[in-house]
Amino acid sequence: MTHELITLPYAADALAPVISKETVEFHHGKHLLNYVNTLNSLIPGTEFENADLLDIVRKSEGKIFNQAGQVLNHNLYFTQFGPNAGGAPKGALADAIAKEWGSFEAFQAAFLEACTGLFGSGWVWLASDENGVLTIEKEPNAGNPIRKGLNPLLGFDVWEHSYYLGYQNRRADHIKDLWSIVRWDVVEERYNK
């Protein structure tokens, strides 16, 4: 199975100023494309040659996992944002957030703390278990909560390549600004699966 670069559901400049056109072009068109191409070069002749991306992430190790993890993570990342988005979740997801953290604002504060507290490169995820209970998961490098049996709902990329062109070393500012482009309808759909 050949894995392909996802098509963005918006123009490269649509997320500016939160994520600049230049950052999107580098992040999607170079970083993610490289992960896709490298994954495709590594899997021929392995047990993952015809596997779907989720199975590869769940079962692989080493180089194959790193590439597959980054492809999955970035696919989820790029499709959770949009222009004219932001706000707060509704329905069952909003209720689950309130149950776990007391309020949406308290959840955002805990998520920011996780993002700024993750040393080095990686991802911070809002994830749910099979019962819909929410957790914040800090994953180094290419990690994804799917490997723990959790459902990844919302992921913020804290690798420097995701924000450095626009924010330099101001990770916290970038994280705070990302809330304004989150498509909660997408996150809610992931939660309701």
C-alpha atoms as a PDB file:
ATOM      1  CA  MET A   1       0.000   0.000   0.000  1.00  0.00           C
ATOM      2  CA  THR A   2       1.371   3.389  -0.941  1.00  0.00           C
ATOM      3  CA  HIS A   3       0.682   6.178   1.514  1.00  0.00           C
ATOM      4  CA  GLU A   4       0.016   9.631   0.116  1.00  0.00           C
ATOM      5  CA  LEU A   5       0.364  13.203   1.265  1.00  0.00           C
ATOM      6  CA  ILE A   6      -3.024  14.475   2.407  1.00  0.00           C
ATOM      7  CA  THR A   7      -4.550  17.421   0.616  1.00  0.00           C
ATOM      8  CA  LEU A   8      -5.094  20.340   2.950  1.00  0.00           C
ATOM      9  CA  PRO A   9      -8.774  21.227   3.434  1.00  0.00           C
ATOM     10  CA  TYR A  10      -7.892  24.940   3.169  1.00  0.00           C
ATOM     11  CA  ALA A  11      -5.480  27.236   1.304  1.00  0.00           C
ATOM     12  CA  ALA A  12      -1.912  27.475   2.612  1.00  0.00           C
ATOM     13  CA  ASP A  13      -2.532  31.023   3.834  1.00  0.00           C
ATOM     14  CA  ALA A  14      -5.921  30.306   5.444  1.00  0.00           C
ATOM     15  CA  LEU A  15      -4.613  29.815   8.988  1.00  0.00           C
ATOM     16  CA  ALA A  16      -2.546  33.016   9.091  1.00  0.00           C
ATOM     17  CA  PRO A  17      -1.513  34.719  11.244  1.00  0.00           C
ATOM     18  CA  VAL A  18      -1.638  31.780  13.677  1.00  0.00           C
ATOM     19  CA  ILE A  19       0.128  29.466  11.231  1.00  0.00           C
ATOM     20  CA  SER A  20       1.710  31.427   8.403  1.00  0.00           C
ATOM     21  CA  LYS A  21       1.560  30.434   4.761  1.00  0.00           C
ATOM     22  CA  GLU A  22       5.330  29.845   4.843  1.00  0.00           C
ATOM     23  CA  THR A  23       5.021  27.557   7.871  1.00  0.00           C
ATOM     24  CA  VAL A  24       2.197  25.566   6.259  1.00  0.00           C
ATOM     25  CA  GLU A  25       4.201  25.211   3.050  1.00  0.00           C
ATOM     26  CA  PHE A  26       7.278  23.953   4.901  1.00  0.00           C
ATOM     27  CA  HIS A  27       5.408  21.879   7.474  1.00  0.00           C
ATOM     28  CA  HIS A  28       2.995  20.180   5.074  1.00  0.00           C
ATOM     29  CA  GLY A  29       4.830  20.380   1.771  1.00  0.00           C
ATOM     30  CA  LYS A  30       8.286  19.448   3.024  1.00  0.00           C
ATOM     31  CA  HIS A  31       8.228  17.879   6.514  1.00  0.00           C
ATOM     32  CA  LEU A  32       5.071  15.790   6.098  1.00  0.00           C
ATOM     33  CA  LEU A  33       5.899  14.934   2.490  1.00  0.00           C
ATOM     34  CA  ASN A  34       9.291  13.651   3.638  1.00  0.00           C
ATOM     35  CA  TYR A  35       7.660  11.476   6.331  1.00  0.00           C
ATOM     36  CA  VAL A  36       5.273  10.021   3.724  1.00  0.00           C
ATOM     37  CA  ASN A  37       8.042   9.339   1.206  1.00  0.00           C
ATOM     38  CA  THR A  38      10.353   7.831   3.817  1.00  0.00           C
ATOM     39  CA  LEU A  39       7.572   5.573   5.135  1.00  0.00           C
ATOM     40  CA  ASN A  40       6.866   4.393   1.596  1.00  0.00           C
ATOM     41  CA  SER A  41      10.559   3.605   1.103  1.00  0.00           C
ATOM     42  CA  LEU A  42      10.812   1.605   4.350  1.00  0.00           C
ATOM     43  CA  ILE A  43       7.791  -0.720   4.184  1.00  0.00           C
ATOM     44  CA  PRO A  44       8.296  -2.752   0.982  1.00  0.00           C
ATOM     45  CA  GLY A  45       9.172  -6.332   1.893  1.00  0.00           C
ATOM     46  CA  THR A  46       8.030  -5.927   5.509  1.00  0.00           C
ATOM     47  CA  GLU A  47       4.873  -7.051   7.290  1.00  0.00           C
ATOM     48  CA  PHE A  48       3.655  -3.459   6.901  1.00  0.00           C
ATOM     49  CA  GLU A  49       3.853  -3.352   3.103  1.00  0.00           C
ATOM     50  CA  ASN A  50       0.061  -3.626   2.730  1.00  0.00           C
ATOM     51  CA  ALA A  51      -0.981  -2.400   6.174  1.00  0.00           C
ATOM     52  CA  ASP A  52      -3.047   0.689   6.763  1.00  0.00           C
ATOM     53  CA  LEU A  53      -1.505   3.592   8.629  1.00  0.00           C
ATOM     54  CA  LEU A  54      -3.248   2.897  11.949  1.00  0.00           C
ATOM     55  CA  ASP A  55      -1.980  -0.691  12.035  1.00  0.00           C
ATOM     56  CA  ILE A  56       1.540   0.437  11.216  1.00  0.00           C
ATOM     57  CA  VAL A  57       1.486   2.970  14.061  1.00  0.00           C
ATOM     58  CA  ARG A  58       0.040   0.428  16.502  1.00  0.00           C
ATOM     59  CA  LYS A  59       2.457  -2.409  15.676  1.00  0.00           C
ATOM     60  CA  SER A  60       5.728  -1.045  14.273  1.00  0.00           C
ATOM     61  CA  GLU A  61       8.921   0.034  15.997  1.00  0.00           C
ATOM     62  CA  GLY A  62      12.000   2.046  15.140  1.00  0.00           C
ATOM     63  CA  LYS A  63      12.316   3.851  11.830  1.00  0.00           C
ATOM     64  CA  ILE A  64       9.016   2.620  10.421  1.00  0.00           C
ATOM     65  CA  PHE A  65       7.148   3.695  13.555  1.00  0.00           C
ATOM     66  CA  ASN A  66       8.779   7.127  13.573  1.00  0.00           C
ATOM     67  CA  GLN A  67       7.730   7.841   9.996  1.00  0.00           C
ATOM     68  CA  ALA A  68       4.243   6.312  10.309  1.00  0.00           C
ATOM     69  CA  GLY A  69       3.645   8.065  13.623  1.00  0.00           C
ATOM     70  CA  GLN A  70       4.541  11.402  12.124  1.00  0.00           C
ATOM     71  CA  VAL A  71       2.323  10.806   9.088  1.00  0.00           C
ATOM     72  CA  LEU A  72      -0.662   9.937  11.291  1.00  0.00           C
ATOM     73  CA  ASN A  73       0.016  12.773  13.720  1.00  0.00           C
ATOM     74  CA  HIS A  74       0.291  15.349  10.969  1.00  0.00           C
ATOM     75  CA  ASN A  75      -2.799  14.039   9.155  1.00  0.00           C
ATOM     76  CA  LEU A  76      -4.807  14.531  12.339  1.00  0.00           C
ATOM     77  CA  TYR A  77      -3.127  17.884  13.019  1.00  0.00           C
ATOM     78  CA  PHE A  78      -3.710  19.503   9.645  1.00  0.00           C
ATOM     79  CA  THR A  79      -7.336  18.356   9.410  1.00  0.00           C
ATOM     80  CA  GLN A  80      -8.317  19.686  12.859  1.00  0.00           C
ATOM     81  CA  PHE A  81      -7.714  23.331  11.921  1.00  0.00           C
ATOM     82  CA  GLY A  82      -9.534  25.783   9.732  1.00  0.00           C
ATOM     83  CA  PRO A  83     -10.157  29.460   9.160  1.00  0.00           C
ATOM     84  CA  ASN A  84     -13.049  31.054  11.022  1.00  0.00           C
ATOM     85  CA  ALA A  85     -12.850  28.320  13.645  1.00  0.00           C
ATOM     86  CA  GLY A  86     -12.100  28.391  17.365  1.00  0.00           C
ATOM     87  CA  GLY A  87     -14.605  28.843  20.108  1.00  0.00           C
ATOM     88  CA  ALA A  88     -15.388  25.927  22.375  1.00  0.00           C
ATOM     89  CA  PRO A  89     -16.675  22.386  21.940  1.00  0.00           C
ATOM     90  CA  LYS A  90     -20.335  21.529  22.345  1.00  0.00           C
ATOM     91  CA  GLY A  91     -22.379  18.510  23.255  1.00  0.00           C
ATOM     92  CA  ALA A  92     -20.912  15.318  24.683  1.00  0.00           C
ATOM     93  CA  LEU A  93     -17.312  16.477  24.253  1.00  0.00           C
ATOM     94  CA  ALA A  94     -17.980  19.717  26.140  1.00  0.00           C
ATOM     95  CA  ASP A  95     -19.654  17.707  28.899  1.00  0.00           C
ATOM     96  CA  ALA A  96     -16.703  15.301  29.114  1.00  0.00           C
ATOM     97  CA  ILE A  97     -14.235  18.204  29.320  1.00  0.00           C
ATOM     98  CA  ALA A  98     -16.278  19.834  32.089  1.00  0.00           C
ATOM     99  CA  LYS A  99     -16.466  16.529  33.953  1.00  0.00           C
ATOM    100  CA  GLU A 100     -12.692  15.991  33.788  1.00  0.00           C
ATOM    101  CA  TRP A 101     -11.348  19.536  34.257  1.00  0.00           C
ATOM    102  CA  GLY A 102     -14.289  21.535  35.610  1.00  0.00           C
ATOM    103  CA  SER A 103     -14.385  23.989  32.712  1.00  0.00           C
ATOM    104  CA  PHE A 104     -13.110  24.516  29.185  1.00  0.00           C
ATOM    105  CA  GLU A 105     -10.759  27.221  30.463  1.00  0.00           C
ATOM    106  CA  ALA A 106      -9.281  24.842  33.051  1.00  0.00           C
ATOM    107  CA  PHE A 107      -8.787  22.249  30.307  1.00  0.00           C
ATOM    108  CA  GLN A 108      -7.001  24.826  28.139  1.00  0.00           C
ATOM    109  CA  ALA A 109      -4.720  25.727  31.056  1.00  0.00           C
ATOM    110  CA  ALA A 110      -3.883  22.049  31.683  1.00  0.00           C
ATOM    111  CA  PHE A 111      -3.251  21.508  27.965  1.00  0.00           C
ATOM    112  CA  LEU A 112      -0.958  24.553  27.822  1.00  0.00           C
ATOM    113  CA  GLU A 113       0.952  23.266  30.843  1.00  0.00           C
ATOM    114  CA  ALA A 114       1.417  19.899  29.133  1.00  0.00           C
ATOM    115  CA  CYS A 115       2.578  21.573  25.903  1.00  0.00           C
ATOM    116  CA  THR A 116       5.102  23.816  27.612  1.00  0.00           C
ATOM    117  CA  GLY A 117       6.180  21.040  29.962  1.00  0.00           C
ATOM    118  CA  LEU A 118       7.048  18.522  27.258  1.00  0.00           C
ATOM    119  CA  PHE A 119      10.816  18.716  26.973  1.00  0.00           C
ATOM    120  CA  GLY A 120      12.132  18.650  23.448  1.00  0.00           C
ATOM    121  CA  SER A 121      10.021  17.588  20.500  1.00  0.00           C
ATOM    122  CA  GLY A 122       6.713  15.791  20.500  1.00  0.00           C
ATOM    123  CA  TRP A 123       2.957  16.044  20.627  1.00  0.00           C
ATOM    124  CA  VAL A 124       0.300  16.782  23.227  1.00  0.00           C
ATOM    125  CA  TRP A 125      -3.036  15.088  22.711  1.00  0.00           C
ATOM    126  CA  LEU A 126      -6.541  15.247  24.036  1.00  0.00           C
ATOM    127  CA  ALA A 127      -7.494  11.579  23.934  1.00  0.00           C
ATOM    128  CA  SER A 128     -10.403   9.412  25.017  1.00  0.00           C
ATOM    129  CA  ASP A 129     -10.617   5.849  26.209  1.00  0.00           C
ATOM    130  CA  GLU A 130     -13.248   3.322  25.130  1.00  0.00           C
ATOM    131  CA  ASN A 131     -15.673   4.766  27.704  1.00  0.00           C
ATOM    132  CA  GLY A 132     -15.249   8.352  26.509  1.00  0.00           C
ATOM    133  CA  VAL A 133     -13.133   9.399  29.487  1.00  0.00           C
ATOM    134  CA  LEU A 134     -10.720  12.141  28.469  1.00  0.00           C
ATOM    135  CA  THR A 135      -7.019  12.500  29.230  1.00  0.00           C
ATOM    136  CA  ILE A 136      -4.196  14.768  28.160  1.00  0.00           C
ATOM    137  CA  GLU A 137      -1.332  12.693  26.794  1.00  0.00           C
ATOM    138  CA  LYS A 138       2.226  13.975  26.348  1.00  0.00           C
ATOM    139  CA  GLU A 139       3.979  11.976  23.640  1.00  0.00           C
ATOM    140  CA  PRO A 140       7.650  12.476  22.780  1.00  0.00           C
ATOM    141  CA  ASN A 141       8.822  12.528  19.179  1.00  0.00           C
ATOM    142  CA  ALA A 142       6.377  10.597  16.932  1.00  0.00           C
ATOM    143  CA  GLY A 143       4.248   9.208  19.761  1.00  0.00           C
ATOM    144  CA  ASN A 144       0.497   8.875  19.470  1.00  0.00           C
ATOM    145  CA  PRO A 145      -1.973   7.749  22.173  1.00  0.00           C
ATOM    146  CA  ILE A 146      -3.341   5.122  19.782  1.00  0.00           C
ATOM    147  CA  ARG A 147      -0.474   2.924  20.986  1.00  0.00           C
ATOM    148  CA  LYS A 148      -2.016   3.010  24.481  1.00  0.00           C
ATOM    149  CA  GLY A 149      -5.434   1.998  23.160  1.00  0.00           C
ATOM    150  CA  LEU A 150      -6.693   5.582  23.266  1.00  0.00           C
ATOM    151  CA  ASN A 151      -8.469   7.604  20.597  1.00  0.00           C
ATOM    152  CA  PRO A 152      -6.525  10.753  19.594  1.00  0.00           C
ATOM    153  CA  LEU A 153      -8.958  13.658  19.337  1.00  0.00           C
ATOM    154  CA  LEU A 154      -6.883  16.839  19.231  1.00  0.00           C
ATOM    155  CA  GLY A 155      -3.122  17.065  18.825  1.00  0.00           C
ATOM    156  CA  PHE A 156      -0.815  20.050  19.132  1.00  0.00           C
ATOM    157  CA  ASP A 157       2.580  19.661  17.494  1.00  0.00           C
ATOM    158  CA  VAL A 158       5.320  20.992  19.766  1.00  0.00           C
ATOM    159  CA  TRP A 159       8.176  20.202  17.423  1.00  0.00           C
ATOM    160  CA  GLU A 160       9.890  23.529  16.734  1.00  0.00           C
ATOM    161  CA  HIS A 161       9.324  23.217  12.982  1.00  0.00           C
ATOM    162  CA  SER A 162       5.603  23.681  13.606  1.00  0.00           C
ATOM    163  CA  TYR A 163       5.950  27.187  15.044  1.00  0.00           C
ATOM    164  CA  TYR A 164       9.504  28.532  14.830  1.00  0.00           C
ATOM    165  CA  LEU A 165       9.125  30.623  11.653  1.00  0.00           C
ATOM    166  CA  GLY A 166       6.357  32.656  13.272  1.00  0.00           C
ATOM    167  CA  TYR A 167       6.971  32.353  16.991  1.00  0.00           C
ATOM    168  CA  GLN A 168      10.661  31.526  17.396  1.00  0.00           C
ATOM    169  CA  ASN A 169      11.060  30.218  20.975  1.00  0.00           C
ATOM    170  CA  ARG A 170       7.604  31.358  22.163  1.00  0.00           C
ATOM    171  CA  ARG A 171       5.935  27.947  22.295  1.00  0.00           C
ATOM    172  CA  ALA A 172       3.348  29.044  24.863  1.00  0.00           C
ATOM    173  CA  ASP A 173       2.185  31.957  22.694  1.00  0.00           C
ATOM    174  CA  HIS A 174       1.794  29.625  19.728  1.00  0.00           C
ATOM    175  CA  ILE A 175      -0.218  27.124  21.776  1.00  0.00           C
ATOM    176  CA  LYS A 176      -2.530  29.867  23.055  1.00  0.00           C
ATOM    177  CA  ASP A 177      -3.122  31.112  19.507  1.00  0.00           C
ATOM    178  CA  LEU A 178      -3.872  27.630  18.122  1.00  0.00           C
ATOM    179  CA  TRP A 179      -7.196  27.558  19.992  1.00  0.00           C
ATOM    180  CA  SER A 180      -8.536  30.188  17.571  1.00  0.00           C
ATOM    181  CA  ILE A 181      -8.223  27.826  14.573  1.00  0.00           C
ATOM    182  CA  VAL A 182      -9.400  24.528  16.126  1.00  0.00           C
ATOM    183  CA  ARG A 183     -12.367  23.049  14.295  1.00  0.00           C
ATOM    184  CA  TRP A 184     -14.314  21.637  17.208  1.00  0.00           C
ATOM    185  CA  ASP A 185     -16.736  19.932  14.837  1.00  0.00           C
ATOM    186  CA  VAL A 186     -13.831  17.741  13.647  1.00  0.00           C
ATOM    187  CA  VAL A 187     -12.673  17.022  17.205  1.00  0.00           C
ATOM    188  CA  GLU A 188     -16.235  16.214  18.282  1.00  0.00           C
ATOM    189  CA  GLU A 189     -16.634  13.844  15.339  1.00  0.00           C
ATOM    190  CA  ARG A 190     -13.474  12.015  16.437  1.00  0.00           C
ATOM    191  CA  TYR A 191     -14.838  11.812  19.981  1.00  0.00           C
ATOM    192  CA  ASN A 192     -18.207  10.462  18.871  1.00  0.00           C
ATOM    193  CA  LYS A 193     -16.708   7.593  16.814  1.00  0.00           C
END
